[in-house]
Amino acid sequence: MNKSIRFKISDFKFLSKALLPQKKEEKLLFLILLLIYLSYSIYIALSTSVIDNMSYETDIYFSYDNPLILKLGRTQISGHPLLMLFYYPFVLIGNGLAYLVTFKAKTLLFVLLSSSMISMSSVYIFRYLREIIEIKRSVAYLITLFFAFFSTNLLLSFTPESFTLSAIFLAFNVYYNSSYIKKQKSPPFLSNIVLADFILGGITLTNVAKGIVPVLFFKEKKISILKKVVLLGVIFLAILSIVQVISIVFLSKNFFESIFIHRESFTNSALGGSSLFQMVFTHFFGSPIFFPPMMNYTAYNSTMQYIIEGNYSYWWQYTFVTLILATIVASLVKNYKSPFLQMIFLLFLIDIIIHCVMKFGINQPFIYGAHWVYCIPLLIGWLYDKLKEKQAKAFVVFLICMFVGLIINNLYHLTDFINMAQSLYPTE
C-alpha cells in the first residue's frame, strides 16, 4: 500500500514539475517569449482600455470576453463550467491591487498572467519537439518561434480569457500523455481525470474530449481503455450535475438548458455575409495563424464599436495559408501510421467537426484557434523528422522564409490593432 502511495506521489511530482520550465533552454525560451509578449502587451494595457473597458463587458475585439473575466473571473457558465475556479483568485488579488494602487495594476496582473501562459504553451511545444520527436535543438527553436508568432498567440498574450487557459493546458495535455505513450506506459488515471474532466472540460465544455483522446492510445487492453473512457465521461457528467445544482441554487439559472440556448445562438447566425469557404479557409484555419486585415463596425442600436478580422486582400496571403495546409497534409500522409500523429489528428478533427461540420461558432471562428493551433508546430515537427537529409535542409529554408513572412505580416497587423484600439478605446 505504501509503495503504491509513493508511486502515485512520485507521478504527481512529475506532473507538477512538468508544468514548469525544466532545462536551461526551456527557461531561456520562456523568458525571451515573456519579454517579447510583455513589450507590447504592457503598452496596450497602459495606452488603451481595450483589455479592461468596463462599459462593454464582451466582444470588444474578436469576440473575446476579457472585461468580464477581469470583473467576475468567468464568462458564460454554459460553456465554461469551472472557469471561475481558475481566474477568481486572481480577480481577488487584482481587486486588492486596484484598491491599493490603481485599476491598471489589476489589468497588468492579468496581462502578466496571460503572457506567462502563452509563453509556457510554447515551452511545451518545444519540449514535445525535443523529447517526443527528438529533433535537433536549432530546428525545435525555429518551429517553436514560428508557433509563438501565430496571430492567436500574439493576441492571447494580453487577453485574459478561457482560450488563454485552454492554450496552455491543451499543449501540456498532448505533451504529458505523449511522454508516457513514448515510454509505453500509462499515466496515473487520476491525472487523466484532473486534466480531462476538471481542467480541460472545466475551462471549456467541448475540450473534455481532448483530454479523453490520448487514452485511446495507451498501451493497455481495449477493455481497460474502454472502462477509462466511460469513467471519464461519467465523472464529467457528475461534475456538470454539481454545477447544475449550484447554478440553480445560487444563480437561479438552469445550466443544462443554457448549454442548448448557447449552442443555438452560435449556430443560427452562422455564415452571415461570407461564404462557407471564406469562413473555413480564412477565418477558421488561416486567421488564427496569419493575421488578415482588421476592421471595426458599430453594433446595431448601439455606440459600441467592435474590432474584428476581415478577409484576406492579396494572393500571397492565400498562398501562405495554402502552404501551411499543404505542409499539414504532407505530414499526415508521411506519418499516418504513427500513433502520436494519429492522436494530434484526432485532436484537430474535434474542432473541424464542431466548427466546420456542425457550424458551431462558424460566424466567429477566429477565437477558437487557441483550441487547435498547437497541433500545427507538432505536425511540422513530425514532417521534418520523416524527411531525408537534403530534403530536411530544404525544408528548414522553407520554414525560415515562412517565419519571416509570418513575422512581417503579423507584427504589421498587430500594430494596426494597437492603433485601432487607441483610437476606439483610449485609456480611461
Foldseek 3Di string as FASTA:
>chain_A
DVVVVVVQVVLVVVVVVLLDQDDPVLVVLLVVQLCVLCVVLLVLLAWFCLQQDPVDQFQQELGFRRNCCLQQVDDPCLFAVQSSVVRVVLSVVLVVCCVVPNNSSSLVSLLSVQSSLLSLLLSLQLCCLCPQLNDDNVVSVLLSVLLCLFLLNSVSSRGPGLLSQLLNLLSVLLSVLSNQVSVLHGRPLVVLLCSQQPRQCNSGNLRSVLSLLSLVRHNDDPVVSVVSSVVSVVVNVVVVVVSQVCCCPPVVDRSVVVNVVLQCVQAVCAPPPHDLCQLVQPQQQQCSGFAAAWDWDADPPGRRIHIYGDGHDDPVSSVLSVVLVVLLVLLCVLCVVDPSLVSLVVQQVSVCCVCNVSVGNSRSNNNCCSSRSSSSSVSNSSNLSRDDDVVNVVVSVVSVVSSVVRCVRSVVNVVVVSVVSSVRGTDD
